[in-house]
Amino acid sequence: MKNILVTGYRAHELNIFNQKHEGIPYIRQAIRSKLVPLLEEGLEWVITPGQYGVDLWACEEAIELKKDYPQLRISILSAFASPEERWSDDKKEYYEGILKQIDFHGVVSNRPYEGIWQFKARDELLFRKTDGLILVYDEDAGEGSPRFFKQEALRRQQENGYRYISISSEDIQSLADEQRMEQQFDEPEQNAEYSGEGFTDEMVSKEE
């Protein structure tokens, strides 16, 4: 596998509204745990749609991984021009900081948002340019925006062997539990337990 698409929930679907949320490091660790074996096998590109949430956290983790895997390249393919235009200043600054560190940023439509067709065109290109998908998604916690990516990846898997790799709430909670245990051994006076907030049945928005 040379090119992997990484995506999942948008931040607001997890009720995450800033970069200090305690769940983000565990989501990033889960993404890293899936990327490293692929990098060992020769992965070259991590590609995301660049939406605020899992997409950008995946970019952050890929940027960190470039220190150990200098062959890795990172790309964001946006559906339309200036997707960050209506974001808060903090989000814009965060997004622009990531853009400065990735290898390629393209837009499917050079026009501002006009309609759902731009997202459809983007998603078609994302699947056409990649050999597999890492998806942060848990149907049991609510369908949400990643549903289409799972359905399309599974369809392509049946047709041509497209690879589908899932990250569920259980995967993320397991990482949190492991870190909690490690910190209990290293620093018994500290309790590093992750509450699960940000990726539970109650927290995930039911938006279509």
N, C-alpha and C. Protein backbone atom coordinates (compact mmCIF):
# COMPACT_ATOMS: atom_id res chain seq x y z
N MET A 1 0.84 -1.20 0.00
CA MET A 1 0.00 0.00 0.00
C MET A 1 0.88 1.25 0.00
N LYS A 2 0.62 2.15 -0.94
CA LYS A 2 1.40 3.38 -1.05
C LYS A 2 0.68 4.60 -0.50
N ASN A 3 -0.64 4.66 -0.70
CA ASN A 3 -1.40 5.85 -0.30
C ASN A 3 -2.57 5.45 0.59
N ILE A 4 -2.71 6.10 1.75
CA ILE A 4 -3.81 5.78 2.67
C ILE A 4 -4.63 7.04 2.93
N LEU A 5 -5.93 6.89 2.89
CA LEU A 5 -6.87 7.94 3.27
C LEU A 5 -7.16 7.79 4.76
N VAL A 6 -7.08 8.89 5.50
CA VAL A 6 -7.41 8.86 6.92
C VAL A 6 -8.47 9.93 7.19
N THR A 7 -9.58 9.50 7.77
CA THR A 7 -10.65 10.44 8.08
C THR A 7 -11.52 9.87 9.20
N GLY A 8 -12.60 10.56 9.50
CA GLY A 8 -13.48 10.13 10.58
C GLY A 8 -14.37 11.27 11.03
N TYR A 9 -14.70 11.27 12.28
CA TYR A 9 -15.61 12.28 12.81
C TYR A 9 -15.03 13.68 12.72
N ARG A 10 -15.91 14.64 12.47
CA ARG A 10 -15.55 16.03 12.66
C ARG A 10 -15.60 16.33 14.16
N ALA A 11 -14.84 17.33 14.58
CA ALA A 11 -14.69 17.58 16.02
C ALA A 11 -16.04 17.81 16.70
N HIS A 12 -16.92 18.56 16.07
CA HIS A 12 -18.18 18.87 16.74
C HIS A 12 -19.06 17.64 16.92
N GLU A 13 -18.85 16.61 16.09
CA GLU A 13 -19.62 15.37 16.24
C GLU A 13 -19.22 14.63 17.51
N LEU A 14 -18.04 14.94 18.01
CA LEU A 14 -17.56 14.35 19.26
C LEU A 14 -17.69 15.33 20.43
N ASN A 15 -18.38 16.44 20.16
CA ASN A 15 -18.49 17.50 21.17
C ASN A 15 -17.12 17.98 21.63
N ILE A 16 -16.20 18.06 20.67
CA ILE A 16 -14.86 18.60 20.93
C ILE A 16 -14.79 19.96 20.25
N PHE A 17 -14.47 20.99 21.01
CA PHE A 17 -14.52 22.34 20.48
C PHE A 17 -13.21 23.11 20.64
N ASN A 18 -12.18 22.44 21.15
CA ASN A 18 -10.85 23.07 21.21
C ASN A 18 -9.80 21.98 21.27
N GLN A 19 -8.55 22.38 21.08
CA GLN A 19 -7.45 21.43 20.97
C GLN A 19 -6.96 20.91 22.32
N LYS A 20 -7.59 21.36 23.41
CA LYS A 20 -7.16 20.92 24.74
C LYS A 20 -8.00 19.75 25.25
N HIS A 21 -8.92 19.27 24.45
CA HIS A 21 -9.79 18.18 24.91
C HIS A 21 -8.96 16.93 25.22
N GLU A 22 -9.29 16.27 26.32
CA GLU A 22 -8.48 15.13 26.79
C GLU A 22 -8.55 13.92 25.87
N GLY A 23 -9.55 13.86 25.00
CA GLY A 23 -9.67 12.70 24.13
C GLY A 23 -8.77 12.75 22.91
N ILE A 24 -8.33 13.95 22.50
CA ILE A 24 -7.57 14.07 21.24
C ILE A 24 -6.27 13.27 21.26
N PRO A 25 -5.45 13.31 22.32
CA PRO A 25 -4.21 12.52 22.29
C PRO A 25 -4.45 11.03 22.08
N TYR A 26 -5.55 10.51 22.62
CA TYR A 26 -5.82 9.08 22.47
C TYR A 26 -6.28 8.75 21.04
N ILE A 27 -7.03 9.65 20.44
CA ILE A 27 -7.42 9.46 19.04
C ILE A 27 -6.17 9.49 18.16
N ARG A 28 -5.28 10.41 18.44
CA ARG A 28 -4.03 10.48 17.67
C ARG A 28 -3.19 9.22 17.87
N GLN A 29 -3.11 8.72 19.09
CA GLN A 29 -2.35 7.49 19.34
C GLN A 29 -2.95 6.31 18.58
N ALA A 30 -4.27 6.25 18.52
CA ALA A 30 -4.92 5.16 17.80
C ALA A 30 -4.59 5.23 16.31
N ILE A 31 -4.60 6.44 15.76
CA ILE A 31 -4.23 6.61 14.34
C ILE A 31 -2.78 6.20 14.13
N ARG A 32 -1.92 6.61 15.03
CA ARG A 32 -0.50 6.26 14.92
C ARG A 32 -0.31 4.74 14.92
N SER A 33 -1.06 4.06 15.78
CA SER A 33 -0.91 2.60 15.89
C SER A 33 -1.27 1.89 14.59
N LYS A 34 -2.13 2.51 13.78
CA LYS A 34 -2.50 1.92 12.49
C LYS A 34 -1.52 2.33 11.38
N LEU A 35 -0.97 3.52 11.50
CA LEU A 35 -0.06 4.01 10.47
C LEU A 35 1.31 3.35 10.51
N VAL A 36 1.84 3.11 11.70
CA VAL A 36 3.21 2.61 11.82
C VAL A 36 3.42 1.29 11.07
N PRO A 37 2.55 0.27 11.23
CA PRO A 37 2.76 -0.96 10.46
C PRO A 37 2.71 -0.73 8.95
N LEU A 38 1.88 0.19 8.50
CA LEU A 38 1.81 0.49 7.07
C LEU A 38 3.08 1.18 6.60
N LEU A 39 3.64 2.05 7.44
CA LEU A 39 4.90 2.70 7.09
C LEU A 39 6.03 1.69 7.00
N GLU A 40 6.00 0.71 7.88
CA GLU A 40 7.02 -0.35 7.84
C GLU A 40 6.91 -1.16 6.54
N GLU A 41 5.70 -1.19 5.98
CA GLU A 41 5.48 -1.93 4.73
C GLU A 41 5.71 -1.07 3.49
N GLY A 42 6.01 0.23 3.68
CA GLY A 42 6.31 1.08 2.54
C GLY A 42 5.31 2.16 2.22
N LEU A 43 4.42 2.48 3.15
CA LEU A 43 3.45 3.56 2.92
C LEU A 43 4.18 4.86 2.60
N GLU A 44 3.66 5.61 1.61
CA GLU A 44 4.30 6.84 1.18
C GLU A 44 3.46 8.10 1.45
N TRP A 45 2.14 8.00 1.31
CA TRP A 45 1.29 9.17 1.44
C TRP A 45 0.16 8.94 2.44
N VAL A 46 -0.05 9.93 3.31
CA VAL A 46 -1.26 10.04 4.13
C VAL A 46 -2.08 11.18 3.54
N ILE A 47 -3.32 10.89 3.18
CA ILE A 47 -4.18 11.87 2.52
C ILE A 47 -5.46 12.04 3.33
N THR A 48 -5.87 13.28 3.57
CA THR A 48 -7.09 13.54 4.32
C THR A 48 -7.91 14.62 3.62
N PRO A 49 -9.22 14.72 3.94
CA PRO A 49 -10.04 15.83 3.41
C PRO A 49 -9.76 17.15 4.11
N GLY A 50 -9.10 17.12 5.25
CA GLY A 50 -8.70 18.35 5.92
C GLY A 50 -9.77 19.05 6.72
N GLN A 51 -10.82 18.32 7.10
CA GLN A 51 -11.86 18.94 7.92
C GLN A 51 -11.41 18.98 9.38
N TYR A 52 -12.00 19.92 10.13
CA TYR A 52 -11.59 20.10 11.52
C TYR A 52 -12.08 18.93 12.36
N GLY A 53 -11.15 18.12 12.83
CA GLY A 53 -11.47 16.93 13.59
C GLY A 53 -10.43 15.86 13.31
N VAL A 54 -10.87 14.65 13.10
CA VAL A 54 -9.96 13.52 12.89
C VAL A 54 -8.98 13.79 11.75
N ASP A 55 -9.45 14.44 10.68
CA ASP A 55 -8.59 14.69 9.53
C ASP A 55 -7.32 15.45 9.94
N LEU A 56 -7.49 16.52 10.68
CA LEU A 56 -6.34 17.35 11.05
C LEU A 56 -5.52 16.71 12.16
N TRP A 57 -6.16 15.95 13.05
CA TRP A 57 -5.39 15.23 14.06
C TRP A 57 -4.53 14.16 13.40
N ALA A 58 -5.04 13.56 12.34
CA ALA A 58 -4.24 12.58 11.59
C ALA A 58 -3.05 13.26 10.93
N CYS A 59 -3.26 14.46 10.40
CA CYS A 59 -2.14 15.21 9.82
C CYS A 59 -1.08 15.51 10.87
N GLU A 60 -1.51 15.92 12.04
CA GLU A 60 -0.56 16.20 13.12
C GLU A 60 0.28 14.97 13.45
N GLU A 61 -0.39 13.83 13.53
CA GLU A 61 0.33 12.60 13.88
C GLU A 61 1.28 12.19 12.77
N ALA A 62 0.84 12.37 11.53
CA ALA A 62 1.71 12.04 10.39
C ALA A 62 2.93 12.97 10.36
N ILE A 63 2.73 14.23 10.69
CA ILE A 63 3.86 15.16 10.76
C ILE A 63 4.89 14.68 11.78
N GLU A 64 4.41 14.20 12.93
CA GLU A 64 5.32 13.66 13.94
C GLU A 64 6.04 12.41 13.43
N LEU A 65 5.32 11.57 12.71
CA LEU A 65 5.90 10.31 12.22
C LEU A 65 6.97 10.54 11.16
N LYS A 66 6.94 11.69 10.50
CA LYS A 66 7.95 11.97 9.48
C LYS A 66 9.36 12.02 10.07
N LYS A 67 9.45 12.25 11.38
CA LYS A 67 10.76 12.27 12.02
C LYS A 67 11.43 10.90 11.93
N ASP A 68 10.62 9.85 12.03
CA ASP A 68 11.15 8.49 11.97
C ASP A 68 10.99 7.86 10.59
N TYR A 69 10.07 8.42 9.80
CA TYR A 69 9.82 7.88 8.45
C TYR A 69 9.87 9.04 7.46
N PRO A 70 11.07 9.50 7.12
CA PRO A 70 11.21 10.70 6.28
C PRO A 70 10.62 10.54 4.88
N GLN A 71 10.35 9.30 4.47
CA GLN A 71 9.74 9.11 3.15
C GLN A 71 8.27 9.48 3.12
N LEU A 72 7.66 9.64 4.29
CA LEU A 72 6.23 9.90 4.38
C LEU A 72 5.88 11.29 3.85
N ARG A 73 4.83 11.35 3.07
CA ARG A 73 4.30 12.61 2.56
C ARG A 73 2.85 12.76 3.02
N ILE A 74 2.43 14.02 3.18
CA ILE A 74 1.09 14.30 3.71
C ILE A 74 0.37 15.25 2.77
N SER A 75 -0.89 14.93 2.50
CA SER A 75 -1.68 15.75 1.58
C SER A 75 -3.07 16.02 2.16
N ILE A 76 -3.57 17.23 1.93
CA ILE A 76 -4.96 17.57 2.22
C ILE A 76 -5.63 17.91 0.90
N LEU A 77 -6.76 17.26 0.63
CA LEU A 77 -7.57 17.56 -0.55
C LEU A 77 -8.90 18.13 -0.09
N SER A 78 -9.09 19.41 -0.23
CA SER A 78 -10.31 20.08 0.22
C SER A 78 -11.37 20.04 -0.88
N ALA A 79 -12.62 20.11 -0.47
CA ALA A 79 -13.72 20.05 -1.43
C ALA A 79 -13.87 21.36 -2.19
N PHE A 80 -13.57 22.49 -1.52
CA PHE A 80 -13.77 23.80 -2.14
C PHE A 80 -12.74 24.77 -1.56
N ALA A 81 -12.66 25.95 -2.14
CA ALA A 81 -11.66 26.92 -1.74
C ALA A 81 -11.95 27.50 -0.36
N SER A 82 -10.91 27.73 0.41
CA SER A 82 -10.97 28.40 1.73
C SER A 82 -12.02 27.79 2.65
N PRO A 83 -11.93 26.49 2.94
CA PRO A 83 -12.92 25.87 3.84
C PRO A 83 -12.90 26.46 5.25
N GLU A 84 -11.78 27.07 5.61
CA GLU A 84 -11.62 27.62 6.97
C GLU A 84 -12.19 29.04 7.10
N GLU A 85 -12.77 29.56 6.03
CA GLU A 85 -13.18 30.96 6.00
C GLU A 85 -14.10 31.36 7.16
N ARG A 86 -15.00 30.46 7.54
CA ARG A 86 -15.96 30.78 8.60
C ARG A 86 -15.55 30.20 9.96
N TRP A 87 -14.34 29.69 10.06
CA TRP A 87 -13.89 29.14 11.32
C TRP A 87 -13.50 30.27 12.27
N SER A 88 -13.39 29.93 13.55
CA SER A 88 -12.90 30.89 14.53
C SER A 88 -11.42 31.16 14.26
N ASP A 89 -10.92 32.26 14.81
CA ASP A 89 -9.52 32.63 14.61
C ASP A 89 -8.57 31.54 15.12
N ASP A 90 -8.91 30.91 16.25
CA ASP A 90 -8.06 29.86 16.80
C ASP A 90 -7.98 28.67 15.85
N LYS A 91 -9.12 28.28 15.29
CA LYS A 91 -9.14 27.16 14.36
C LYS A 91 -8.39 27.50 13.07
N LYS A 92 -8.55 28.73 12.61
CA LYS A 92 -7.83 29.15 11.40
C LYS A 92 -6.33 29.07 11.62
N GLU A 93 -5.88 29.57 12.76
CA GLU A 93 -4.45 29.55 13.06
C GLU A 93 -3.92 28.12 13.13
N TYR A 94 -4.69 27.26 13.76
CA TYR A 94 -4.32 25.85 13.87
C TYR A 94 -4.23 25.21 12.49
N TYR A 95 -5.24 25.44 11.66
CA TYR A 95 -5.29 24.89 10.30
C TYR A 95 -4.12 25.39 9.45
N GLU A 96 -3.89 26.69 9.50
CA GLU A 96 -2.81 27.27 8.70
C GLU A 96 -1.45 26.75 9.15
N GLY A 97 -1.32 26.48 10.44
CA GLY A 97 -0.07 25.90 10.93
C GLY A 97 0.18 24.52 10.37
N ILE A 98 -0.88 23.73 10.24
CA ILE A 98 -0.74 22.40 9.65
C ILE A 98 -0.41 22.49 8.16
N LEU A 99 -1.07 23.41 7.45
CA LEU A 99 -0.82 23.56 6.02
C LEU A 99 0.65 23.86 5.73
N LYS A 100 1.29 24.59 6.64
CA LYS A 100 2.70 24.93 6.45
C LYS A 100 3.62 23.72 6.57
N GLN A 101 3.13 22.66 7.19
CA GLN A 101 3.99 21.50 7.47
C GLN A 101 3.71 20.29 6.59
N ILE A 102 2.65 20.35 5.79
CA ILE A 102 2.35 19.20 4.93
C ILE A 102 3.01 19.39 3.57
N ASP A 103 2.93 18.37 2.73
CA ASP A 103 3.64 18.39 1.46
C ASP A 103 2.79 18.85 0.29
N PHE A 104 1.47 18.72 0.42
CA PHE A 104 0.61 19.13 -0.69
C PHE A 104 -0.77 19.49 -0.17
N HIS A 105 -1.30 20.59 -0.69
CA HIS A 105 -2.69 20.98 -0.39
C HIS A 105 -3.37 21.33 -1.70
N GLY A 106 -4.42 20.59 -2.03
CA GLY A 106 -5.16 20.85 -3.25
C GLY A 106 -6.64 21.03 -2.97
N VAL A 107 -7.33 21.64 -3.89
CA VAL A 107 -8.77 21.80 -3.80
C VAL A 107 -9.41 21.20 -5.04
N VAL A 108 -10.51 20.50 -4.85
CA VAL A 108 -11.21 19.89 -5.98
C VAL A 108 -11.95 20.94 -6.78
N SER A 109 -12.51 21.93 -6.09
CA SER A 109 -13.19 23.04 -6.75
C SER A 109 -12.55 24.34 -6.26
N ASN A 110 -12.14 25.18 -7.19
CA ASN A 110 -11.50 26.45 -6.83
C ASN A 110 -12.50 27.52 -6.42
N ARG A 111 -13.76 27.17 -6.41
CA ARG A 111 -14.80 28.10 -6.01
C ARG A 111 -15.15 27.91 -4.54
N PRO A 112 -15.78 28.90 -3.90
CA PRO A 112 -16.25 28.71 -2.52
C PRO A 112 -17.35 27.66 -2.49
N TYR A 113 -17.82 27.35 -1.30
CA TYR A 113 -18.86 26.31 -1.19
C TYR A 113 -20.10 26.67 -2.00
N GLU A 114 -20.53 25.70 -2.84
CA GLU A 114 -21.72 25.90 -3.66
C GLU A 114 -22.75 24.80 -3.47
N GLY A 115 -22.29 23.60 -3.11
CA GLY A 115 -23.25 22.52 -2.96
C GLY A 115 -22.60 21.19 -2.66
N ILE A 116 -23.45 20.20 -2.42
CA ILE A 116 -22.99 18.86 -2.03
C ILE A 116 -22.14 18.22 -3.11
N TRP A 117 -22.30 18.67 -4.35
CA TRP A 117 -21.53 18.08 -5.45
C TRP A 117 -20.03 18.22 -5.23
N GLN A 118 -19.62 19.29 -4.53
CA GLN A 118 -18.19 19.48 -4.29
C GLN A 118 -17.64 18.40 -3.36
N PHE A 119 -18.44 18.02 -2.36
CA PHE A 119 -18.02 16.95 -1.45
C PHE A 119 -17.99 15.61 -2.18
N LYS A 120 -18.97 15.38 -3.04
CA LYS A 120 -19.01 14.12 -3.79
C LYS A 120 -17.80 14.01 -4.71
N ALA A 121 -17.46 15.12 -5.37
CA ALA A 121 -16.29 15.11 -6.25
C ALA A 121 -15.01 14.89 -5.46
N ARG A 122 -14.94 15.51 -4.30
CA ARG A 122 -13.75 15.32 -3.45
C ARG A 122 -13.62 13.87 -3.00
N ASP A 123 -14.72 13.29 -2.54
CA ASP A 123 -14.66 11.92 -2.03
C ASP A 123 -14.30 10.93 -3.12
N GLU A 124 -14.83 11.14 -4.32
CA GLU A 124 -14.48 10.27 -5.44
C GLU A 124 -12.98 10.34 -5.72
N LEU A 125 -12.42 11.54 -5.68
CA LEU A 125 -10.99 11.70 -5.92
C LEU A 125 -10.17 11.06 -4.81
N LEU A 126 -10.60 11.25 -3.56
CA LEU A 126 -9.89 10.66 -2.43
C LEU A 126 -9.80 9.14 -2.55
N PHE A 127 -10.90 8.51 -2.92
CA PHE A 127 -10.89 7.06 -3.06
C PHE A 127 -10.07 6.63 -4.28
N ARG A 128 -10.13 7.41 -5.32
CA ARG A 128 -9.39 7.05 -6.54
C ARG A 128 -7.89 7.16 -6.32
N LYS A 129 -7.47 8.05 -5.44
CA LYS A 129 -6.04 8.30 -5.23
C LYS A 129 -5.43 7.43 -4.13
N THR A 130 -6.24 6.63 -3.44
CA THR A 130 -5.73 5.87 -2.29
C THR A 130 -5.98 4.38 -2.46
N ASP A 131 -5.20 3.60 -1.69
CA ASP A 131 -5.30 2.14 -1.72
C ASP A 131 -6.06 1.58 -0.53
N GLY A 132 -6.35 2.44 0.44
CA GLY A 132 -7.03 1.98 1.63
C GLY A 132 -7.48 3.14 2.48
N LEU A 133 -8.24 2.82 3.53
CA LEU A 133 -8.83 3.83 4.40
C LEU A 133 -8.64 3.45 5.87
N ILE A 134 -8.16 4.41 6.67
CA ILE A 134 -8.23 4.31 8.12
C ILE A 134 -9.36 5.22 8.56
N LEU A 135 -10.38 4.65 9.20
CA LEU A 135 -11.57 5.42 9.54
C LEU A 135 -11.83 5.37 11.04
N VAL A 136 -11.87 6.55 11.65
CA VAL A 136 -12.26 6.66 13.06
C VAL A 136 -13.78 6.79 13.08
N TYR A 137 -14.44 5.69 13.44
CA TYR A 137 -15.90 5.66 13.31
C TYR A 137 -16.44 4.51 14.15
N ASP A 138 -17.58 4.76 14.76
CA ASP A 138 -18.23 3.74 15.58
C ASP A 138 -19.73 3.84 15.38
N GLU A 139 -20.28 2.93 14.60
CA GLU A 139 -21.72 2.97 14.31
C GLU A 139 -22.55 2.87 15.58
N ASP A 140 -22.07 2.14 16.57
CA ASP A 140 -22.82 1.98 17.81
C ASP A 140 -22.96 3.30 18.56
N ALA A 141 -22.06 4.25 18.25
CA ALA A 141 -22.09 5.53 18.93
C ALA A 141 -22.82 6.61 18.12
N GLY A 142 -23.45 6.22 17.02
CA GLY A 142 -24.14 7.19 16.17
C GLY A 142 -23.55 7.19 14.78
N GLU A 143 -24.39 7.35 13.77
CA GLU A 143 -23.93 7.19 12.39
C GLU A 143 -22.97 8.30 11.98
N GLY A 144 -23.37 9.56 12.03
CA GLY A 144 -22.46 10.65 11.76
C GLY A 144 -21.93 10.69 10.33
N SER A 145 -21.09 11.67 10.08
CA SER A 145 -20.59 11.92 8.72
C SER A 145 -19.70 10.83 8.15
N PRO A 146 -18.97 10.02 8.96
CA PRO A 146 -18.09 9.01 8.36
C PRO A 146 -18.82 7.82 7.74
N ARG A 147 -20.13 7.74 7.89
CA ARG A 147 -20.86 6.57 7.42
C ARG A 147 -20.60 6.29 5.94
N PHE A 148 -20.64 7.34 5.12
CA PHE A 148 -20.43 7.16 3.68
C PHE A 148 -19.07 6.55 3.40
N PHE A 149 -18.03 7.02 4.11
CA PHE A 149 -16.68 6.53 3.84
C PHE A 149 -16.59 5.03 4.10
N LYS A 150 -17.24 4.58 5.17
CA LYS A 150 -17.22 3.15 5.46
C LYS A 150 -17.94 2.36 4.36
N GLN A 151 -19.10 2.82 3.98
CA GLN A 151 -19.88 2.12 2.96
C GLN A 151 -19.12 2.04 1.64
N GLU A 152 -18.52 3.15 1.24
CA GLU A 152 -17.80 3.18 -0.03
C GLU A 152 -16.53 2.34 0.03
N ALA A 153 -15.83 2.37 1.17
CA ALA A 153 -14.62 1.56 1.31
C ALA A 153 -14.94 0.07 1.24
N LEU A 154 -16.02 -0.34 1.89
CA LEU A 154 -16.40 -1.75 1.86
C LEU A 154 -16.83 -2.17 0.46
N ARG A 155 -17.51 -1.28 -0.25
CA ARG A 155 -17.90 -1.59 -1.63
C ARG A 155 -16.67 -1.78 -2.50
N ARG A 156 -15.71 -0.90 -2.36
CA ARG A 156 -14.48 -1.00 -3.15
C ARG A 156 -13.63 -2.19 -2.71
N GLN A 157 -13.73 -2.53 -1.44
CA GLN A 157 -13.01 -3.72 -0.96
C GLN A 157 -13.49 -4.97 -1.67
N GLN A 158 -14.79 -5.08 -1.84
CA GLN A 158 -15.35 -6.24 -2.53
C GLN A 158 -15.01 -6.23 -4.01
N GLU A 159 -14.95 -5.05 -4.60
CA GLU A 159 -14.71 -4.95 -6.04
C GLU A 159 -13.25 -5.11 -6.43
N ASN A 160 -12.35 -4.47 -5.66
CA ASN A 160 -10.95 -4.47 -6.10
C ASN A 160 -9.93 -4.60 -4.97
N GLY A 161 -10.38 -5.02 -3.78
CA GLY A 161 -9.44 -5.25 -2.69
C GLY A 161 -9.00 -4.01 -1.93
N TYR A 162 -9.74 -2.91 -2.10
CA TYR A 162 -9.44 -1.71 -1.32
C TYR A 162 -9.43 -2.07 0.17
N ARG A 163 -8.45 -1.57 0.88
CA ARG A 163 -8.27 -1.98 2.27
C ARG A 163 -9.02 -1.06 3.23
N TYR A 164 -9.74 -1.66 4.17
CA TYR A 164 -10.50 -0.89 5.15
C TYR A 164 -9.98 -1.22 6.55
N ILE A 165 -9.55 -0.16 7.27
CA ILE A 165 -9.01 -0.30 8.63
C ILE A 165 -9.83 0.60 9.54
N SER A 166 -10.46 0.03 10.54
CA SER A 166 -11.33 0.82 11.40
C SER A 166 -10.68 1.10 12.75
N ILE A 167 -11.05 2.23 13.33
CA ILE A 167 -10.69 2.59 14.70
C ILE A 167 -12.00 2.87 15.42
N SER A 168 -12.29 2.08 16.43
CA SER A 168 -13.55 2.22 17.16
C SER A 168 -13.33 2.88 18.51
N SER A 169 -14.42 3.14 19.21
CA SER A 169 -14.31 3.70 20.57
C SER A 169 -13.58 2.73 21.49
N GLU A 170 -13.77 1.42 21.27
CA GLU A 170 -13.08 0.43 22.10
C GLU A 170 -11.57 0.50 21.91
N ASP A 171 -11.14 0.71 20.66
CA ASP A 171 -9.70 0.84 20.40
C ASP A 171 -9.11 2.03 21.16
N ILE A 172 -9.82 3.14 21.10
CA ILE A 172 -9.34 4.35 21.76
C ILE A 172 -9.36 4.19 23.27
N GLN A 173 -10.42 3.59 23.80
CA GLN A 173 -10.51 3.40 25.24
C GLN A 173 -9.42 2.45 25.73
N SER A 174 -9.08 1.44 24.93
CA SER A 174 -8.01 0.51 25.32
C SER A 174 -6.68 1.23 25.46
N LEU A 175 -6.40 2.14 24.52
CA LEU A 175 -5.17 2.92 24.63
C LEU A 175 -5.17 3.79 25.87
N ALA A 176 -6.33 4.39 26.17
CA ALA A 176 -6.43 5.22 27.36
C ALA A 176 -6.22 4.40 28.63
N ASP A 177 -6.80 3.20 28.65
CA ASP A 177 -6.65 2.33 29.82
C ASP A 177 -5.20 1.89 30.01
N GLU A 178 -4.52 1.59 28.88
CA GLU A 178 -3.11 1.18 28.96
C GLU A 178 -2.26 2.31 29.52
N GLN A 179 -2.50 3.52 29.06
CA GLN A 179 -1.72 4.65 29.55
C GLN A 179 -2.02 4.92 31.01
N ARG A 180 -3.28 4.77 31.41
CA ARG A 180 -3.65 4.95 32.81
C ARG A 180 -2.90 3.97 33.69
N MET A 181 -2.82 2.71 33.26
CA MET A 181 -2.11 1.70 34.05
C MET A 181 -0.62 2.01 34.15
N GLU A 182 -0.05 2.44 33.01
CA GLU A 182 1.37 2.78 33.01
C GLU A 182 1.66 3.92 33.97
N GLN A 183 0.80 4.93 33.97
CA GLN A 183 1.03 6.08 34.83
C GLN A 183 0.78 5.73 36.30
N GLN A 184 -0.12 4.77 36.54
CA GLN A 184 -0.35 4.34 37.92
C GLN A 184 0.89 3.66 38.48
N PHE A 185 1.61 2.93 37.62
CA PHE A 185 2.84 2.28 38.07
C PHE A 185 3.96 3.31 38.24
N ASP A 186 4.03 4.26 37.27
CA ASP A 186 5.11 5.24 37.31
C ASP A 186 4.88 6.34 38.33
N GLU A 187 3.62 6.79 38.43
CA GLU A 187 3.28 7.88 39.33
C GLU A 187 2.00 7.52 40.06
N PRO A 188 2.09 6.71 41.11
CA PRO A 188 0.90 6.22 41.80
C PRO A 188 -0.02 7.31 42.32
N GLU A 189 0.54 8.49 42.57
CA GLU A 189 -0.29 9.54 43.15
C GLU A 189 -1.18 10.20 42.10
N GLN A 190 -0.93 9.95 40.80
CA GLN A 190 -1.71 10.59 39.76
C GLN A 190 -2.71 9.61 39.18
N ASN A 191 -3.86 10.09 38.87
CA ASN A 191 -4.90 9.28 38.23
C ASN A 191 -5.09 9.79 36.81
N ALA A 192 -4.63 9.00 35.83
CA ALA A 192 -4.68 9.44 34.44
C ALA A 192 -5.85 8.85 33.68
N GLU A 193 -6.85 8.42 34.39
CA GLU A 193 -7.96 7.75 33.71
C GLU A 193 -8.65 8.69 32.75
N TYR A 194 -8.91 8.19 31.54
CA TYR A 194 -9.64 8.93 30.52
C TYR A 194 -11.11 8.60 30.68
N SER A 195 -11.92 9.61 30.78
CA SER A 195 -13.35 9.40 31.05
C SER A 195 -14.09 8.84 29.86
N GLY A 196 -13.46 8.87 28.67
CA GLY A 196 -14.15 8.44 27.46
C GLY A 196 -14.91 9.57 26.81
N GLU A 197 -14.94 10.74 27.45
CA GLU A 197 -15.68 11.87 26.90
C GLU A 197 -15.11 12.25 25.55
N GLY A 198 -15.98 12.39 24.58
CA GLY A 198 -15.54 12.74 23.24
C GLY A 198 -15.68 11.60 22.28
N PHE A 199 -15.97 10.40 22.77
CA PHE A 199 -16.13 9.28 21.85
C PHE A 199 -16.97 8.20 22.50
N THR A 200 -18.16 8.56 22.95
CA THR A 200 -19.06 7.61 23.56
C THR A 200 -20.42 7.73 22.91
N ASP A 201 -21.31 6.78 23.22
CA ASP A 201 -22.64 6.81 22.65
C ASP A 201 -23.33 8.13 22.93
N GLU A 202 -23.12 8.68 24.14
CA GLU A 202 -23.81 9.89 24.51
C GLU A 202 -23.21 11.11 23.85
N MET A 203 -21.89 11.08 23.62
CA MET A 203 -21.21 12.28 23.16
C MET A 203 -21.26 12.46 21.65
N VAL A 204 -21.35 11.37 20.90
CA VAL A 204 -21.32 11.49 19.44
C VAL A 204 -22.65 12.00 18.94
N SER A 205 -22.60 13.06 18.16
CA SER A 205 -23.83 13.65 17.61
C SER A 205 -24.48 12.69 16.65
N LYS A 206 -25.80 12.73 16.59
CA LYS A 206 -26.55 11.87 15.69
C LYS A 206 -26.79 12.51 14.33
N GLU A 207 -26.02 13.56 14.02
CA GLU A 207 -26.24 14.26 12.76
C GLU A 207 -25.97 13.33 11.58
N GLU A 208 -26.77 13.50 10.52
CA GLU A 208 -26.55 12.72 9.29
C GLU A 208 -25.38 13.32 8.52
